[in-house]
Amino acid sequence: MKIILGLIVCFCVATTNLYSQSVSKSSKQKFIAEFDAYIQEVLKNTDIPAIGISILSGGKPVFVKTYGYANKEAGIKADNNTLFYIASSTKSFTALSAALLEEEGKIQLNEPIDKYLGSLKFNNLIPVRQITIKHLLTHTSGLSNDALGFRMAYSGDIKDKEIDHVFTGAMTYTDTMFNQYNYSNLGYNIYAVLLRTYLKLNWKDVIATKILKPLGMTHTTSYMSEALKNGWIVAAPYQAVGYNGAVLTNLPKQDNNLQSAGGIFSSPKDLAKWLEVNMNTGKINGRQVFAKETIEKCQTGYAFVERTLQPFTGLSQYGLGWIIGEYKKEKVIYHFGGFPGYTGHISFMPDKKIGVAVTTNESTMGARVATVLATFAYDWWLNEKGKDTIYERKKNELKQMYEGFKKASAKGIEDKAKRASKLSLPLTEYTGEFANEFFGTMKIFLNDSVLSAAIGNMQSSSTYFTEEESIRVELIPGTGEVIKFIKDEKKIIAKLVYNNFEFIKMPKKD
């Protein structure tokens, strides 16, 4: 019996190793030729400045290639070391770094956050002995704090003293949402504050020392200043607007708004390493970099989630920074990311040893193109029947979709230009500084006789809006945000409302 069991074990190990080496040279070459041709056809009709793609099969990279321009205006081409912003795909890095700290005994994911708050005390009633770090990292804490997420991801107003005030003063809790999945950046932002408070550590430095350095990810960072200092090529952010094609956005990422839920820039070459170590349970090039148990902990589902976003739809689970779902009945582990000017798709099939990373520096068509290219790669390596016909149709659908978008976008721009002002006072009466205790200070000023708004890193000129005493801005590029001015009893502008939050007008400084 022992001999038979031994043979079975040997056979299983042998077949596993055989699969990891099963990609033939001819298959690889055929895939590269077909995939490359398809990518170039898709890019002809979508105005995406640059796209970086990493494909793994048999647990190893078989295709790493970058297309287009990191910066069109400057004529800077993108390559495999070009940095793309991966947005919320950062969460898998942050969660792994937390698991590694637990492995070292420095934190415990199942312990309540009360232990890690230090001197921080919440103004509102928060069940700090019930909510754990794991709740934070799986989006099940029941907590809310819009101002904290706004500062960390957008405005960049993140001085420790201000963040601590927002953290303790604006945090709220909804009991019916506890243990219920509710996706946002907040849990990861709270974790970063706890890490600073309890261990005096910056989440960025933990990831750099415990993940990036051991993996040799030499063109990945959470510091834009590091990329600039090293002279790395960074893909600039674009959005397609009307018939103008892709234009630069007005909210570039900086050190102060790269945050723990979405704060990493990485290259196609480095993302291939990230896929390899995750799909091979901590191994890269046969070397065990991270403990198998730690990787498996991150890839275990802890909260159920119904997914509607293509291509991995249906009932799934959220792990630590990863979503566990299915594609054509095959298990897939993934996380997407998006921000004005960027899209990211990182996914892999652990059982089939197929992985995909697609990053773009355009956010109008970027996610749609990434989805089509990702499923093309999966279907090719899964040897799906009829894929040629399917992807010819999808290519045409992308073209039609983009043409439709351009038409609709151009009409929207034209319609907004026809709007009449609904402001009743001279424009100078609306200018000044408006403060919100938690969101910060918004400046309203005239720029070439046009009202403009700025808060932290964010700035936007305005257009007229359809409501009285209101203007439309895009502090977050690609969105239509309304600022409504409120008069006092003397018919003087006393405050404004932005995203349902009031900002009080401050006295003019002498």
Foldseek 3Di string as FASTA:
>chain_A
DVVVVVVVVVVVVVVLLCQLVVCDPVLLVVCCVVLVVLVVLLCVQALFQKKWKWKWFSLATSDTFMDHALDVVVPHRDTQLAWFFQFQLLQLLLLLLVLVCVVVVNDDQPAFLVVLQAPQAAPDDAPRRHDGLQCLQFQQRQKDQVQLLCCQAAQLPCDPVLNSCSVRYRIDGDPVSHLAHDDDLPSQSVVQNSCCRRVVDGSQVSSVVQPCVLLVQVSKGLAPVVCVVVVHHYRFFWEQFAPPRTDGDLGDDHNSRQGSSTRMIGGSVSLSSVLSCLLVQQDDPNDRSDHSVSSVQQVDFDHWDAADDPDFGGIWGHGRSWIWGDDPNFIKIWDWRDARQKIWTWMDGSVRSIIMIMITRYHPCRVVSRRLSVVLSVCSSVVPPPVVVVSVVSSVVSSVVSVVVSNVSNVVVVVLQPDDALEDDQQVLPFAWWADSRNGIKTWDADPNFTKIGRRSFIWTWTHDDDHQKTWTPSRPPDTWIKHFDADPVRGGAWIATPNGITGGDDDDD
